[in-house]
């Protein structure tokens, strides 16, 4: 765990930490912070891995902001009203995003699909919950999406959202007790291309339509997460059509109090083959 004072090792990996109740988890974190930091470890080291491991999964919520609903409606070739219906429905849209080994961290590349003409980053507040469904922390998620594929048919959502290189998380996890109001965080998305700003936007989590415990409640209704779960809560920053990410772009996502997540862009799964090295059995890393 990295703080302003330096690197403080935790007694267990993040997945095992999320097996603990909130009170015990907080005690372990605070005890680690109280210890003298390890010498010679810098902020650069946390770029090596995403802050998830083991059996921890990343899930996502969709159409939770007005901007997201409008973007989905614009891109849809058929049945555009489906997004209006889910925005106003009692039950939220929830979908699987990535296993821990597929998640990239700060400084690592994200990928866009070669078979999609329009691809965008989606900056999102990520809620980190333990196995008991308690909110224990927050992070930043880049829910990379293929707008062309989802726009063809809503049933193509898994192909548009879940593929190698489509999920980035970081730069770390901020403990829940250090975030006074997760529904009042400023967010900024900047996309750089050839050294210039190609697109930039700002928003706030105050625009989120649903409550965070509500989203987690639906996720835990009929499922278990033995080493916790990360839930990306939807986006309010989507570039207008026909903007698309390109090879060499750099995506910066900043959320107040949580830091900044930076990821360069590559095209296709071949450039992400290094992720296969992370696909080891839990506990073997």
Protein backbone atom coordinates (compact mmCIF):
# COMPACT_ATOMS: atom_id res chain seq x y z
CA UNK A 1 0.00 0.00 0.00
CA UNK A 2 1.39 3.39 -1.03
CA UNK A 3 0.83 6.57 0.98
CA UNK A 4 2.47 9.99 0.94
CA UNK A 5 4.99 8.61 3.43
CA UNK A 6 5.99 5.66 1.24
CA UNK A 7 5.22 1.98 0.67
CA UNK A 8 3.59 0.06 3.53
CA UNK A 9 3.23 -3.69 2.91
CA UNK A 10 -0.08 -5.29 3.86
CA UNK A 11 -0.10 -8.72 5.52
CA UNK A 12 -2.24 -10.19 2.69
CA UNK A 13 -2.97 -9.46 -0.98
CA UNK A 14 -5.95 -7.31 -1.91
CA UNK A 15 -8.20 -10.27 -2.72
CA UNK A 16 -7.59 -11.86 0.67
CA UNK A 17 -8.07 -8.49 2.35
CA UNK A 18 -11.56 -8.29 0.87
CA UNK A 19 -12.46 -11.54 2.61
CA UNK A 20 -12.47 -9.60 5.90
CA UNK A 21 -15.28 -7.57 7.51
CA UNK A 22 -14.90 -3.81 7.24
CA UNK A 23 -13.78 -3.30 10.83
CA UNK A 24 -11.02 -5.92 10.58
CA UNK A 25 -9.98 -4.69 7.13
CA UNK A 26 -9.68 -1.14 8.43
CA UNK A 27 -7.61 -2.30 11.38
CA UNK A 28 -5.16 -4.14 9.10
CA UNK A 29 -4.82 -1.12 6.81
CA UNK A 30 -4.31 1.35 9.66
CA UNK A 31 -1.76 -0.93 11.33
CA UNK A 32 0.17 -1.15 8.05
CA UNK A 33 0.14 2.63 7.65
CA UNK A 34 1.43 3.03 11.21
CA UNK A 35 4.51 0.96 10.39
CA UNK A 36 7.65 2.56 8.99
CA UNK A 37 7.51 2.56 5.14
CA UNK A 38 9.81 0.28 3.17
CA UNK A 39 12.81 2.19 1.82
CA UNK A 40 13.44 2.45 -1.91
CA UNK A 41 9.87 1.88 -3.12
CA UNK A 42 8.35 4.78 -5.05
CA UNK A 43 5.05 5.76 -6.65
CA UNK A 44 6.31 4.32 -9.95
CA UNK A 45 6.04 0.78 -8.55
CA UNK A 46 2.27 0.87 -8.27
CA UNK A 47 2.06 1.16 -12.05
CA UNK A 48 3.08 -2.45 -12.36
CA UNK A 49 -0.24 -4.02 -11.35
CA UNK A 50 -3.87 -3.06 -10.93
CA UNK A 51 -5.15 -2.97 -7.33
CA UNK A 52 -7.11 -6.24 -7.70
CA UNK A 53 -5.99 -9.84 -7.40
CA UNK A 54 -7.12 -13.39 -6.80
CA UNK A 55 -10.84 -14.07 -7.18
CA UNK A 56 -11.87 -10.40 -7.13
CA UNK A 57 -14.03 -9.52 -10.13
CA UNK A 58 -14.87 -6.20 -11.76
CA UNK A 59 -18.51 -5.56 -12.62
CA UNK A 60 -20.15 -2.44 -14.04
CA UNK A 61 -23.42 -0.57 -14.00
CA UNK A 62 -24.81 1.02 -17.15
CA UNK A 63 -27.05 3.98 -17.99
CA UNK A 64 -26.78 5.50 -14.52
CA UNK A 65 -26.20 9.06 -15.76
CA UNK A 66 -28.31 11.16 -18.12
CA UNK A 67 -25.30 11.56 -20.42
CA UNK A 68 -24.87 7.81 -20.66
CA UNK A 69 -28.51 7.34 -21.58
CA UNK A 70 -28.22 9.98 -24.32
CA UNK A 71 -25.02 8.46 -25.70
CA UNK A 72 -26.48 4.96 -25.84
CA UNK A 73 -29.59 6.27 -27.58
CA UNK A 74 -27.50 8.15 -30.16
CA UNK A 75 -25.39 5.13 -31.04
CA UNK A 76 -28.23 2.60 -31.19
CA UNK A 77 -29.38 1.57 -34.66
CA UNK A 78 -32.48 -0.19 -33.28
CA UNK A 79 -34.49 -0.17 -30.05
CA UNK A 80 -33.05 3.09 -28.77
CA UNK A 81 -35.86 3.36 -26.22
CA UNK A 82 -34.39 0.41 -24.30
CA UNK A 83 -31.96 2.82 -22.66
CA UNK A 84 -34.76 5.14 -21.55
CA UNK A 85 -36.50 2.17 -19.99
CA UNK A 86 -33.47 0.95 -18.04
CA UNK A 87 -32.61 4.48 -16.88
CA UNK A 88 -36.04 4.84 -15.29
CA UNK A 89 -36.46 1.22 -14.19
CA UNK A 90 -36.29 0.04 -10.61
CA UNK A 91 -33.67 -2.61 -11.47
CA UNK A 92 -30.31 -1.25 -12.69
CA UNK A 93 -28.28 -2.60 -15.59
CA UNK A 94 -25.36 -4.65 -14.24
CA UNK A 95 -22.84 -6.63 -16.24
CA UNK A 96 -19.58 -8.51 -15.78
CA UNK A 97 -16.53 -6.51 -16.88
CA UNK A 98 -13.32 -8.40 -16.04
CA UNK A 99 -11.60 -11.03 -13.94
CA UNK A 100 -8.68 -9.65 -11.92
CA UNK A 101 -6.03 -10.97 -14.30
CA UNK A 102 -7.58 -9.03 -17.20
CA UNK A 103 -7.43 -5.68 -15.40
CA UNK A 104 -4.60 -3.25 -16.20
CA UNK A 105 -3.27 -0.62 -13.85
CA UNK A 106 -2.02 2.94 -14.01
CA UNK A 107 0.47 3.42 -16.85
CA UNK A 108 -0.38 0.15 -18.62
CA UNK A 109 -2.09 0.15 -22.03
CA UNK A 110 -5.76 -0.33 -22.77
CA UNK A 111 -6.90 -1.80 -26.08
CA UNK A 112 -9.68 -1.06 -28.55
CA UNK A 113 -11.21 -3.76 -30.73
CA UNK A 114 -10.08 -4.00 -34.34
CA UNK A 115 -13.62 -4.91 -35.47
CA UNK A 116 -15.23 -1.75 -34.08
CA UNK A 117 -15.08 1.62 -35.85
CA UNK A 118 -15.94 3.73 -32.79
CA UNK A 119 -14.32 3.05 -29.42
CA UNK A 120 -14.25 5.28 -26.34
CA UNK A 121 -13.01 5.39 -22.77
CA UNK A 122 -15.66 5.60 -20.07
CA UNK A 123 -14.39 7.13 -16.81
CA UNK A 124 -16.24 5.81 -13.78
CA UNK A 125 -16.19 5.91 -10.01
CA UNK A 126 -15.46 2.34 -8.89
CA UNK A 127 -16.85 1.08 -5.60
CA UNK A 128 -14.83 -1.62 -3.84
CA UNK A 129 -16.86 -4.00 -1.67
CA UNK A 130 -15.76 -6.89 0.55
CA UNK A 131 -17.35 -10.34 0.49
CA UNK A 132 -20.07 -9.09 2.85
CA UNK A 133 -21.17 -6.32 0.48
CA UNK A 134 -19.73 -3.55 2.66
CA UNK A 135 -18.19 -0.59 0.84
CA UNK A 136 -14.53 -0.53 1.86
CA UNK A 137 -12.99 1.76 -0.74
CA UNK A 138 -13.13 3.63 -4.03
CA UNK A 139 -11.04 3.70 -7.18
CA UNK A 140 -11.13 4.91 -10.80
CA UNK A 141 -12.23 2.60 -13.60
CA UNK A 142 -11.84 3.04 -17.35
CA UNK A 143 -14.68 0.97 -18.79
CA UNK A 144 -13.40 0.92 -22.39
CA UNK A 145 -16.31 0.39 -24.78
CA UNK A 146 -16.92 -0.42 -28.45
CA UNK A 147 -19.79 1.87 -29.39
CA UNK A 148 -20.15 0.44 -32.88
CA UNK A 149 -20.75 -3.08 -31.60
CA UNK A 150 -23.18 -2.17 -28.84
CA UNK A 151 -25.01 0.19 -31.18
CA UNK A 152 -25.72 -2.61 -33.64
CA UNK A 153 -27.66 -4.57 -31.05
CA UNK A 154 -27.95 -4.22 -27.24
CA UNK A 155 -27.40 -7.99 -26.96
CA UNK A 156 -23.85 -7.42 -28.21
CA UNK A 157 -23.03 -5.61 -24.94
CA UNK A 158 -20.67 -8.35 -23.65
CA UNK A 159 -18.60 -8.14 -26.85
CA UNK A 160 -18.54 -4.35 -26.65
CA UNK A 161 -17.52 -4.27 -23.01
CA UNK A 162 -15.65 -7.46 -22.12
CA UNK A 163 -12.48 -8.29 -24.04
CA UNK A 164 -8.73 -8.28 -23.50
CA UNK A 165 -7.59 -4.76 -22.65
CA UNK A 166 -11.02 -3.26 -21.97
CA UNK A 167 -10.66 -2.58 -18.25
CA UNK A 168 -8.25 -0.33 -16.35
CA UNK A 169 -8.37 0.34 -12.61
CA UNK A 170 -6.31 2.53 -10.32
CA UNK A 171 -4.06 4.16 -9.46
CA UNK A 172 -4.95 2.51 -6.16
CA UNK A 173 -7.85 2.02 -3.75
CA UNK A 174 -8.74 4.88 -1.43
CA UNK A 175 -10.26 3.60 1.84
CA UNK A 176 -13.94 4.40 2.25
CA UNK A 177 -13.32 6.11 5.60
CA UNK A 178 -11.15 8.69 3.83
CA UNK A 179 -13.88 9.73 1.36
CA UNK A 180 -16.46 11.94 3.05
CA UNK A 181 -19.01 11.97 0.21
CA UNK A 182 -18.54 9.72 -2.85
CA UNK A 183 -21.55 11.41 -4.45
CA UNK A 184 -19.75 14.78 -4.60
CA UNK A 185 -16.52 14.05 -6.47
CA UNK A 186 -15.38 16.08 -9.47
CA UNK A 187 -14.27 13.98 -12.45
CA UNK A 188 -12.25 14.89 -15.54
CA UNK A 189 -11.48 13.01 -18.74
CA UNK A 190 -8.69 14.16 -21.06
CA UNK A 191 -7.67 12.37 -24.25
CA UNK A 192 -4.31 13.38 -25.70
CA UNK A 193 -3.35 12.80 -29.33
CA UNK A 194 0.01 13.73 -30.83
CA UNK A 195 0.80 15.93 -27.84
CA UNK A 196 -2.45 17.92 -27.98
CA UNK A 197 -5.82 17.60 -26.27
CA UNK A 198 -8.19 15.75 -28.61
CA UNK A 199 -11.11 15.71 -26.19
CA UNK A 200 -11.76 16.90 -22.66
CA UNK A 201 -14.77 16.91 -20.39
CA UNK A 202 -15.72 17.40 -16.74
CA UNK A 203 -18.53 16.06 -14.61
CA UNK A 204 -19.40 15.11 -11.03
CA UNK A 205 -20.57 11.97 -9.30
CA UNK A 206 -23.39 14.14 -7.95
CA UNK A 207 -25.09 13.47 -11.31
CA UNK A 208 -25.29 9.74 -10.58
CA UNK A 209 -28.95 8.73 -10.58
CA UNK A 210 -28.69 5.71 -8.27
CA UNK A 211 -27.36 5.26 -4.76
CA UNK A 212 -24.17 3.22 -4.38
CA UNK A 213 -25.61 0.78 -1.78
CA UNK A 214 -28.56 0.25 -4.13
CA UNK A 215 -26.28 -0.85 -6.97
CA UNK A 216 -24.33 -3.19 -4.70
CA UNK A 217 -27.55 -4.53 -3.23
CA UNK A 218 -28.71 -5.71 -6.65
CA UNK A 219 -25.29 -7.21 -7.39
CA UNK A 220 -25.31 -9.25 -4.18
CA UNK A 221 -28.97 -10.31 -4.41
CA UNK A 222 -28.24 -13.63 -6.11
CA UNK A 223 -24.46 -13.85 -6.20
CA UNK A 224 -21.46 -14.26 -3.91
CA UNK A 225 -18.00 -12.70 -4.19
CA UNK A 226 -15.63 -14.62 -1.90
CA UNK A 227 -12.79 -12.12 -2.40
CA UNK A 228 -14.92 -9.05 -2.88
CA UNK A 229 -15.91 -7.15 -5.99
CA UNK A 230 -15.23 -3.85 -7.73
CA UNK A 231 -18.32 -2.19 -9.22
CA UNK A 232 -17.84 0.59 -11.78
CA UNK A 233 -20.87 2.85 -11.37
CA UNK A 234 -21.39 4.23 -14.88
CA UNK A 235 -20.14 7.21 -16.83
CA UNK A 236 -21.20 10.78 -17.41
CA UNK A 237 -18.38 11.58 -19.84
CA UNK A 238 -18.73 10.15 -23.35
CA UNK A 239 -17.23 11.90 -26.41
CA UNK A 240 -19.78 12.79 -29.07
CA UNK A 241 -19.99 10.66 -32.18
CA UNK A 242 -18.02 10.08 -34.36
CA UNK A 243 -15.04 10.55 -32.00
CA UNK A 244 -13.05 7.37 -31.51
CA UNK A 245 -9.85 6.40 -29.75
CA UNK A 246 -6.80 5.83 -31.94
CA UNK A 247 -3.50 4.00 -31.56
CA UNK A 248 -1.12 6.14 -29.53
CA UNK A 249 -3.77 8.19 -27.73
CA UNK A 250 -3.29 8.68 -23.99
CA UNK A 251 -6.33 8.68 -21.70
CA UNK A 252 -6.21 10.58 -18.39
CA UNK A 253 -9.01 10.15 -15.86
CA UNK A 254 -8.93 12.14 -12.62
CA UNK A 255 -11.39 11.95 -9.73
CA UNK A 256 -11.00 14.34 -6.81
CA UNK A 257 -9.50 12.60 -3.80
CA UNK A 258 -8.81 9.35 -5.67
CA UNK A 259 -5.93 10.44 -7.90
CA UNK A 260 -5.50 9.96 -11.64
CA UNK A 261 -5.50 6.94 -13.93
CA UNK A 262 -3.44 7.23 -17.13
CA UNK A 263 -3.50 4.63 -19.90
CA UNK A 264 -2.04 4.71 -23.44
CA UNK A 265 -4.11 3.17 -26.24
CA UNK A 266 -3.22 0.21 -28.44
CA UNK A 267 -5.32 -1.63 -31.04
CA UNK A 268 -6.19 -5.31 -30.99
CA UNK A 269 -5.61 -8.22 -28.63
CA UNK A 270 -2.09 -9.06 -29.80
CA UNK A 271 -0.71 -6.00 -28.02
CA UNK A 272 -2.35 -7.21 -24.80
CA UNK A 273 -0.99 -10.76 -24.84
CA UNK A 274 1.21 -9.93 -21.85
CA UNK A 275 -1.93 -10.12 -19.69
CA UNK A 276 -1.87 -13.89 -20.09
CA UNK A 277 1.06 -13.86 -17.68
CA UNK A 278 -1.32 -12.61 -14.98
CA UNK A 279 -3.70 -15.54 -15.51
CA UNK A 280 -2.25 -17.65 -12.73
CA UNK A 281 -4.26 -19.52 -10.07
CA UNK A 282 -5.21 -17.47 -6.99
CA UNK A 283 -2.39 -17.49 -4.48
CA UNK A 284 0.25 -18.44 -7.04
CA UNK A 285 1.34 -14.90 -7.84
